[in-house]
C-alpha atoms as a PDB file:
ATOM      1  CA  UNK A   1      30.909 115.672  -6.015  1.00  0.00           C
ATOM      2  CA  UNK A   2      32.310 115.061  -2.580  1.00  0.00           C
ATOM      3  CA  UNK A   3      28.988 113.786  -1.305  1.00  0.00           C
ATOM      4  CA  UNK A   4      28.636 111.402  -4.259  1.00  0.00           C
ATOM      5  CA  UNK A   5      32.100 110.009  -3.639  1.00  0.00           C
ATOM      6  CA  UNK A   6      31.255 109.567   0.060  1.00  0.00           C
ATOM      7  CA  UNK A   7      28.078 107.690  -0.855  1.00  0.00           C
ATOM      8  CA  UNK A   8      29.978 105.480  -3.252  1.00  0.00           C
ATOM      9  CA  UNK A   9      32.565 104.764  -0.587  1.00  0.00           C
ATOM     10  CA  UNK A  10      29.869 103.708   1.856  1.00  0.00           C
ATOM     11  CA  UNK A  11      28.266 101.424  -0.751  1.00  0.00           C
ATOM     12  CA  UNK A  12      31.652  99.889  -1.508  1.00  0.00           C
ATOM     13  CA  UNK A  13      32.324  99.324   2.213  1.00  0.00           C
ATOM     14  CA  UNK A  14      28.948  97.624   2.620  1.00  0.00           C
ATOM     15  CA  UNK A  15      29.440  95.494  -0.492  1.00  0.00           C
ATOM     16  CA  UNK A  16      33.067  94.497   0.084  1.00  0.00           C
ATOM     17  CA  UNK A  17      33.233  94.137   3.864  1.00  0.00           C
ATOM     18  CA  UNK A  18      30.023  94.326   5.849  1.00  0.00           C
ATOM     19  CA  UNK A  19      27.819  92.230   3.544  1.00  0.00           C
ATOM     20  CA  UNK A  20      30.273  89.272   3.337  1.00  0.00           C
ATOM     21  CA  UNK A  21      30.653  89.305   7.133  1.00  0.00           C
ATOM     22  CA  UNK A  22      26.883  89.302   7.640  1.00  0.00           C
ATOM     23  CA  UNK A  23      26.476  86.462   5.113  1.00  0.00           C
ATOM     24  CA  UNK A  24      29.264  84.452   6.757  1.00  0.00           C
ATOM     25  CA  UNK A  25      27.755  84.871  10.228  1.00  0.00           C
ATOM     26  CA  UNK A  26      24.297  83.936   8.947  1.00  0.00           C
ATOM     27  CA  UNK A  27      25.642  80.842   7.218  1.00  0.00           C
ATOM     28  CA  UNK A  28      27.504  79.850  10.383  1.00  0.00           C
ATOM     29  CA  UNK A  29      24.290  80.018  12.404  1.00  0.00           C
ATOM     30  CA  UNK A  30      22.364  78.070   9.758  1.00  0.00           C
ATOM     31  CA  UNK A  31      25.038  75.365   9.564  1.00  0.00           C
ATOM     32  CA  UNK A  32      25.249  75.058  13.343  1.00  0.00           C
ATOM     33  CA  UNK A  33      21.481  74.871  13.721  1.00  0.00           C
ATOM     34  CA  UNK A  34      20.761  72.395  10.941  1.00  0.00           C
ATOM     35  CA  UNK A  35      23.880  70.592   9.710  1.00  0.00           C
ATOM     36  CA  UNK A  36      26.704  70.356  12.229  1.00  0.00           C
ATOM     37  CA  UNK A  37      27.470  71.657  15.692  1.00  0.00           C
ATOM     38  CA  UNK A  38      30.669  71.726  17.783  1.00  0.00           C
ATOM     39  CA  UNK A  39      30.838  70.331  21.306  1.00  0.00           C
ATOM     40  CA  UNK A  40      33.546  70.316  23.954  1.00  0.00           C
ATOM     41  CA  UNK A  41      33.869  66.977  25.760  1.00  0.00           C
ATOM     42  CA  UNK A  42      34.708  67.694  29.417  1.00  0.00           C
ATOM     43  CA  UNK A  43      34.812  64.110  30.750  1.00  0.00           C
ATOM     44  CA  UNK A  44      36.695  60.949  29.885  1.00  0.00           C
ATOM     45  CA  UNK A  45      33.640  58.691  29.576  1.00  0.00           C
ATOM     46  CA  UNK A  46      34.511  58.006  25.914  1.00  0.00           C
ATOM     47  CA  UNK A  47      38.264  57.630  26.465  1.00  0.00           C
ATOM     48  CA  UNK A  48      40.330  56.650  24.557  1.00  0.00           C
ATOM     49  CA  UNK A  49      38.241  57.467  21.446  1.00  0.00           C
ATOM     50  CA  UNK A  50      37.531  60.964  22.803  1.00  0.00           C
ATOM     51  CA  UNK A  51      39.678  62.557  25.498  1.00  0.00           C
ATOM     52  CA  UNK A  52      38.539  64.954  28.198  1.00  0.00           C
ATOM     53  CA  UNK A  53      40.839  67.142  30.257  1.00  0.00           C
ATOM     54  CA  UNK A  54      43.301  65.450  32.583  1.00  0.00           C
ATOM     55  CA  UNK A  55      43.397  65.926  36.338  1.00  0.00           C
ATOM     56  CA  UNK A  56      46.260  68.445  36.215  1.00  0.00           C
ATOM     57  CA  UNK A  57      44.462  70.684  33.749  1.00  0.00           C
ATOM     58  CA  UNK A  58      47.368  70.920  31.323  1.00  0.00           C
ATOM     59  CA  UNK A  59      45.563  69.235  28.415  1.00  0.00           C
ATOM     60  CA  UNK A  60      42.592  70.736  26.606  1.00  0.00           C
ATOM     61  CA  UNK A  61      39.581  68.445  26.208  1.00  0.00           C
ATOM     62  CA  UNK A  62      38.687  67.237  22.738  1.00  0.00           C
ATOM     63  CA  UNK A  63      36.143  69.169  20.724  1.00  0.00           C
ATOM     64  CA  UNK A  64      33.954  67.259  18.299  1.00  0.00           C
ATOM     65  CA  UNK A  65      31.615  68.043  15.423  1.00  0.00           C
ATOM     66  CA  UNK A  66      28.179  66.404  15.583  1.00  0.00           C
ATOM     67  CA  UNK A  67      26.504  65.641  12.241  1.00  0.00           C
ATOM     68  CA  UNK A  68      22.911  66.740  12.737  1.00  0.00           C
ATOM     69  CA  UNK A  69      21.496  65.442   9.441  1.00  0.00           C
ATOM     70  CA  UNK A  70      22.954  61.938   9.138  1.00  0.00           C
ATOM     71  CA  UNK A  71      20.023  60.267  10.892  1.00  0.00           C
ATOM     72  CA  UNK A  72      17.581  61.849   8.477  1.00  0.00           C
ATOM     73  CA  UNK A  73      19.333  59.765   5.822  1.00  0.00           C
ATOM     74  CA  UNK A  74      19.897  56.486   7.686  1.00  0.00           C
ATOM     75  CA  UNK A  75      18.977  54.665  10.887  1.00  0.00           C
ATOM     76  CA  UNK A  76      21.066  54.825  14.046  1.00  0.00           C
ATOM     77  CA  UNK A  77      23.377  51.800  14.077  1.00  0.00           C
ATOM     78  CA  UNK A  78      25.189  49.855  16.817  1.00  0.00           C
ATOM     79  CA  UNK A  79      28.684  51.256  17.173  1.00  0.00           C
ATOM     80  CA  UNK A  80      27.732  54.844  16.330  1.00  0.00           C
ATOM     81  CA  UNK A  81      29.027  57.531  18.680  1.00  0.00           C
ATOM     82  CA  UNK A  82      26.137  59.898  19.355  1.00  0.00           C
ATOM     83  CA  UNK A  83      25.573  63.271  20.992  1.00  0.00           C
ATOM     84  CA  UNK A  84      22.236  63.334  22.801  1.00  0.00           C
ATOM     85  CA  UNK A  85      20.149  64.927  25.504  1.00  0.00           C
ATOM     86  CA  UNK A  86      20.016  62.451  28.415  1.00  0.00           C
ATOM     87  CA  UNK A  87      16.827  61.623  30.253  1.00  0.00           C
ATOM     88  CA  UNK A  88      16.168  63.191  33.646  1.00  0.00           C
ATOM     89  CA  UNK A  89      17.003  59.884  35.353  1.00  0.00           C
ATOM     90  CA  UNK A  90      20.326  59.577  33.522  1.00  0.00           C
ATOM     91  CA  UNK A  91      21.235  63.185  34.223  1.00  0.00           C
ATOM     92  CA  UNK A  92      20.399  62.800  37.926  1.00  0.00           C
ATOM     93  CA  UNK A  93      22.472  59.604  38.172  1.00  0.00           C
ATOM     94  CA  UNK A  94      25.466  61.419  36.699  1.00  0.00           C
ATOM     95  CA  UNK A  95      24.887  64.668  38.659  1.00  0.00           C
ATOM     96  CA  UNK A  96      25.182  66.685  35.443  1.00  0.00           C
ATOM     97  CA  UNK A  97      23.570  70.117  34.915  1.00  0.00           C
ATOM     98  CA  UNK A  98      20.453  70.339  32.820  1.00  0.00           C
ATOM     99  CA  UNK A  99      21.938  71.801  29.639  1.00  0.00           C
ATOM    100  CA  UNK A 100      24.936  69.547  28.934  1.00  0.00           C
ATOM    101  CA  UNK A 101      24.546  66.905  26.174  1.00  0.00           C
ATOM    102  CA  UNK A 102      26.107  63.467  26.622  1.00  0.00           C
ATOM    103  CA  UNK A 103      28.336  61.544  24.223  1.00  0.00           C
ATOM    104  CA  UNK A 104      28.243  57.729  24.246  1.00  0.00           C
ATOM    105  CA  UNK A 105      28.429  54.748  21.899  1.00  0.00           C
ATOM    106  CA  UNK A 106      25.285  52.957  20.763  1.00  0.00           C
ATOM    107  CA  UNK A 107      25.410  49.303  21.849  1.00  0.00           C
ATOM    108  CA  UNK A 108      21.780  48.222  21.552  1.00  0.00           C
ATOM    109  CA  UNK A 109      19.010  49.289  19.152  1.00  0.00           C
ATOM    110  CA  UNK A 110      15.315  48.322  19.365  1.00  0.00           C
ATOM    111  CA  UNK A 111      14.907  44.547  19.701  1.00  0.00           C
ATOM    112  CA  UNK A 112      18.431  43.956  21.063  1.00  0.00           C
ATOM    113  CA  UNK A 113      19.162  42.474  24.470  1.00  0.00           C
ATOM    114  CA  UNK A 114      22.476  43.571  25.961  1.00  0.00           C
ATOM    115  CA  UNK A 115      24.408  41.977  28.813  1.00  0.00           C
ATOM    116  CA  UNK A 116      27.889  42.321  30.277  1.00  0.00           C
ATOM    117  CA  UNK A 117      29.237  39.022  31.582  1.00  0.00           C
ATOM    118  CA  UNK A 118      32.352  37.684  33.249  1.00  0.00           C
ATOM    119  CA  UNK A 119      33.614  34.940  30.937  1.00  0.00           C
ATOM    120  CA  UNK A 120      36.734  32.768  30.627  1.00  0.00           C
ATOM    121  CA  UNK A 121      39.284  32.961  27.861  1.00  0.00           C
ATOM    122  CA  UNK A 122      39.394  29.475  26.387  1.00  0.00           C
ATOM    123  CA  UNK A 123      40.946  27.877  23.340  1.00  0.00           C
ATOM    124  CA  UNK A 124      37.731  25.864  22.981  1.00  0.00           C
ATOM    125  CA  UNK A 125      35.385  28.857  23.143  1.00  0.00           C
ATOM    126  CA  UNK A 126      32.762  28.914  20.375  1.00  0.00           C
ATOM    127  CA  UNK A 127      33.561  32.614  19.978  1.00  0.00           C
ATOM    128  CA  UNK A 128      36.894  33.407  18.265  1.00  0.00           C
ATOM    129  CA  UNK A 129      36.997  36.685  20.183  1.00  0.00           C
ATOM    130  CA  UNK A 130      37.223  34.771  23.498  1.00  0.00           C
ATOM    131  CA  UNK A 131      40.121  32.529  22.505  1.00  0.00           C
ATOM    132  CA  UNK A 132      43.750  33.405  23.361  1.00  0.00           C
ATOM    133  CA  UNK A 133      44.833  36.081  20.915  1.00  0.00           C
ATOM    134  CA  UNK A 134      41.226  37.066  20.192  1.00  0.00           C
ATOM    135  CA  UNK A 135      39.853  40.597  20.320  1.00  0.00           C
ATOM    136  CA  UNK A 136      38.414  40.108  23.831  1.00  0.00           C
ATOM    137  CA  UNK A 137      41.535  38.415  25.160  1.00  0.00           C
ATOM    138  CA  UNK A 138      43.200  41.790  25.704  1.00  0.00           C
ATOM    139  CA  UNK A 139      42.392  43.538  28.990  1.00  0.00           C
ATOM    140  CA  UNK A 140      42.629  47.293  28.498  1.00  0.00           C
ATOM    141  CA  UNK A 141      42.848  49.556  31.548  1.00  0.00           C
ATOM    142  CA  UNK A 142      43.696  53.220  32.066  1.00  0.00           C
ATOM    143  CA  UNK A 143      46.069  54.688  34.604  1.00  0.00           C
ATOM    144  CA  UNK A 144      43.876  56.714  36.995  1.00  0.00           C
ATOM    145  CA  UNK A 145      43.796  60.432  36.164  1.00  0.00           C
ATOM    146  CA  UNK A 146      46.175  60.109  33.217  1.00  0.00           C
ATOM    147  CA  UNK A 147      43.822  59.447  30.323  1.00  0.00           C
ATOM    148  CA  UNK A 148      46.439  60.501  27.799  1.00  0.00           C
ATOM    149  CA  UNK A 149      47.987  58.749  24.808  1.00  0.00           C
ATOM    150  CA  UNK A 150      50.232  56.782  27.156  1.00  0.00           C
ATOM    151  CA  UNK A 151      47.524  56.104  29.724  1.00  0.00           C
ATOM    152  CA  UNK A 152      46.271  52.741  28.435  1.00  0.00           C
ATOM    153  CA  UNK A 153      47.767  49.432  29.565  1.00  0.00           C
ATOM    154  CA  UNK A 154      47.106  46.252  27.610  1.00  0.00           C
ATOM    155  CA  UNK A 155      47.332  42.826  29.227  1.00  0.00           C
ATOM    156  CA  UNK A 156      47.276  39.750  27.025  1.00  0.00           C
ATOM    157  CA  UNK A 157      45.002  37.178  28.681  1.00  0.00           C
ATOM    158  CA  UNK A 158      45.835  33.491  28.702  1.00  0.00           C
ATOM    159  CA  UNK A 159      43.782  30.331  28.589  1.00  0.00           C
ATOM    160  CA  UNK A 160      41.760  30.183  31.832  1.00  0.00           C
ATOM    161  CA  UNK A 161      41.921  33.916  32.594  1.00  0.00           C
ATOM    162  CA  UNK A 162      38.591  35.699  32.944  1.00  0.00           C
ATOM    163  CA  UNK A 163      37.413  39.039  31.620  1.00  0.00           C
ATOM    164  CA  UNK A 164      34.214  41.044  31.183  1.00  0.00           C
ATOM    165  CA  UNK A 165      32.642  41.065  27.744  1.00  0.00           C
ATOM    166  CA  UNK A 166      29.569  42.786  26.312  1.00  0.00           C
ATOM    167  CA  UNK A 167      27.096  40.525  24.506  1.00  0.00           C
ATOM    168  CA  UNK A 168      24.225  41.534  22.241  1.00  0.00           C
ATOM    169  CA  UNK A 169      21.392  39.191  21.307  1.00  0.00           C
ATOM    170  CA  UNK A 170      19.641  40.372  18.171  1.00  0.00           C
ATOM    171  CA  UNK A 171      15.965  39.746  17.628  1.00  0.00           C
ATOM    172  CA  UNK A 172      15.598  36.319  16.031  1.00  0.00           C
ATOM    173  CA  UNK A 173      19.105  35.146  16.992  1.00  0.00           C
ATOM    174  CA  UNK A 174      19.453  31.961  19.014  1.00  0.00           C
ATOM    175  CA  UNK A 175      22.567  33.135  20.870  1.00  0.00           C
ATOM    176  CA  UNK A 176      24.019  36.452  21.926  1.00  0.00           C
ATOM    177  CA  UNK A 177      27.257  37.506  20.225  1.00  0.00           C
ATOM    178  CA  UNK A 178      30.213  39.430  21.668  1.00  0.00           C
ATOM    179  CA  UNK A 179      30.103  43.146  20.872  1.00  0.00           C
ATOM    180  CA  UNK A 180      33.728  44.225  20.625  1.00  0.00           C
ATOM    181  CA  UNK A 181      35.012  47.772  20.341  1.00  0.00           C
ATOM    182  CA  UNK A 182      38.741  47.077  19.960  1.00  0.00           C
ATOM    183  CA  UNK A 183      39.910  50.370  21.498  1.00  0.00           C
ATOM    184  CA  UNK A 184      37.521  50.507  24.468  1.00  0.00           C
ATOM    185  CA  UNK A 185      38.567  49.836  28.045  1.00  0.00           C
ATOM    186  CA  UNK A 186      37.502  46.541  29.612  1.00  0.00           C
ATOM    187  CA  UNK A 187      34.387  46.675  31.835  1.00  0.00           C
ATOM    188  CA  UNK A 188      34.811  45.827  35.509  1.00  0.00           C
ATOM    189  CA  UNK A 189      31.137  45.029  36.153  1.00  0.00           C
ATOM    190  CA  UNK A 190      28.354  42.690  35.097  1.00  0.00           C
ATOM    191  CA  UNK A 191      24.948  43.889  33.966  1.00  0.00           C
ATOM    192  CA  UNK A 192      21.812  42.466  32.384  1.00  0.00           C
ATOM    193  CA  UNK A 193      19.405  44.693  30.483  1.00  0.00           C
ATOM    194  CA  UNK A 194      15.898  44.111  29.212  1.00  0.00           C
ATOM    195  CA  UNK A 195      15.222  44.045  25.477  1.00  0.00           C
ATOM    196  CA  UNK A 196      15.627  47.550  24.051  1.00  0.00           C
ATOM    197  CA  UNK A 197      12.097  48.895  23.471  1.00  0.00           C
ATOM    198  CA  UNK A 198      10.918  50.484  20.199  1.00  0.00           C
ATOM    199  CA  UNK A 199      12.155  54.034  19.790  1.00  0.00           C
ATOM    200  CA  UNK A 200      14.893  53.568  22.421  1.00  0.00           C
ATOM    201  CA  UNK A 201      18.662  52.983  22.495  1.00  0.00           C
ATOM    202  CA  UNK A 202      21.129  51.490  24.958  1.00  0.00           C
ATOM    203  CA  UNK A 203      24.379  53.443  25.154  1.00  0.00           C
ATOM    204  CA  UNK A 204      27.680  52.860  26.960  1.00  0.00           C
ATOM    205  CA  UNK A 205      30.927  54.818  27.144  1.00  0.00           C
ATOM    206  CA  UNK A 206      34.193  53.431  25.765  1.00  0.00           C
ATOM    207  CA  UNK A 207      35.757  54.094  29.174  1.00  0.00           C
ATOM    208  CA  UNK A 208      33.668  51.229  30.440  1.00  0.00           C
ATOM    209  CA  UNK A 209      34.833  51.213  34.103  1.00  0.00           C
ATOM    210  CA  UNK A 210      34.586  55.001  34.428  1.00  0.00           C
ATOM    211  CA  UNK A 211      31.570  56.003  32.336  1.00  0.00           C
ATOM    212  CA  UNK A 212      28.246  57.120  33.772  1.00  0.00           C
ATOM    213  CA  UNK A 213      26.073  55.315  31.256  1.00  0.00           C
ATOM    214  CA  UNK A 214      23.295  52.726  30.933  1.00  0.00           C
ATOM    215  CA  UNK A 215      24.850  50.358  33.487  1.00  0.00           C
ATOM    216  CA  UNK A 216      24.667  53.169  36.090  1.00  0.00           C
ATOM    217  CA  UNK A 217      21.254  54.407  34.959  1.00  0.00           C
ATOM    218  CA  UNK A 218      19.885  50.867  35.352  1.00  0.00           C
ATOM    219  CA  UNK A 219      19.461  51.484  39.088  1.00  0.00           C
ATOM    220  CA  UNK A 220      17.074  54.334  38.281  1.00  0.00           C
ATOM    221  CA  UNK A 221      15.111  52.467  35.614  1.00  0.00           C
ATOM    222  CA  UNK A 222      16.550  54.982  33.145  1.00  0.00           C
ATOM    223  CA  UNK A 223      18.828  52.668  31.189  1.00  0.00           C
ATOM    224  CA  UNK A 224      17.346  53.476  27.777  1.00  0.00           C
ATOM    225  CA  UNK A 225      17.768  56.672  25.735  1.00  0.00           C
ATOM    226  CA  UNK A 226      14.946  57.837  23.414  1.00  0.00           C
ATOM    227  CA  UNK A 227      15.959  58.045  19.765  1.00  0.00           C
ATOM    228  CA  UNK A 228      14.215  61.423  19.661  1.00  0.00           C
ATOM    229  CA  UNK A 229      16.816  62.732  22.134  1.00  0.00           C
ATOM    230  CA  UNK A 230      19.683  62.162  19.678  1.00  0.00           C
ATOM    231  CA  UNK A 231      21.194  65.407  18.410  1.00  0.00           C
ATOM    232  CA  UNK A 232      23.555  63.817  15.901  1.00  0.00           C
ATOM    233  CA  UNK A 233      26.493  61.529  15.265  1.00  0.00           C
ATOM    234  CA  UNK A 234      29.899  62.580  16.602  1.00  0.00           C
ATOM    235  CA  UNK A 235      31.938  62.503  13.416  1.00  0.00           C
ATOM    236  CA  UNK A 236      35.150  64.439  13.890  1.00  0.00           C
ATOM    237  CA  UNK A 237      37.578  65.609  16.553  1.00  0.00           C
ATOM    238  CA  UNK A 238      38.630  69.055  15.310  1.00  0.00           C
ATOM    239  CA  UNK A 239      40.529  70.389  18.344  1.00  0.00           C
ATOM    240  CA  UNK A 240      43.248  70.201  19.611  1.00  0.00           C
ATOM    241  CA  UNK A 241      44.717  70.155  16.126  1.00  0.00           C
ATOM    242  CA  UNK A 242      47.079  67.345  17.143  1.00  0.00           C
ATOM    243  CA  UNK A 243      44.003  65.177  17.753  1.00  0.00           C
ATOM    244  CA  UNK A 244      42.344  65.936  14.393  1.00  0.00           C
ATOM    245  CA  UNK A 245      40.658  62.701  13.284  1.00  0.00           C
ATOM    246  CA  UNK A 246      37.414  61.129  12.160  1.00  0.00           C
ATOM    247  CA  UNK A 247      35.668  58.999  14.774  1.00  0.00           C
ATOM    248  CA  UNK A 248      34.675  55.394  14.164  1.00  0.00           C
END
């Protein structure tokens, strides 16, 4: 009788405790491998959308969830924030180790031609974004090494002031159009890229002056990122809890 009770106790332990733990761990591995995967973002290349650690080390970097199945359901779109494996040229330009994915925003898809130009703010501009009060008439800069919620300064530009704006010319369009990410920092450079080839992407960081991205990789003829290198779309900041939010 004692032995039977011992056997029953072991079965109950397996059923009530060990089996659920094994199932939970298995499901976690399956979900991470096929559906979603967490990543810690160590740099501020996507600031202010995604924050890395600050220079004093008293703020934890954001951690994001990458949706690994979304691009099996739809195409990659301009404006998406993606997690991807960079090319060897991009990784060398950024001096990053060989196992760290990158996170950037998609600016150009196949057939697009991207440029970053210095342009005037003018009340007669054909682009509403480049008129006083328009989306591009705000110069956004970050205080060096702060990169916190209070680290962005906005300067309202006036008629005649100049700024740097990203333009995208779509295949079949007569003129390039401004590509505005309202929260991104203002570029401090000019750049001209070739048409994005089939199966490739052009990506830039929201921290435009401080991001190692396509404008840096251009010098190594590595400005484009293969679509096959994309791991998934960065969908959610889940940690720190005070930063919990969906990305857009």
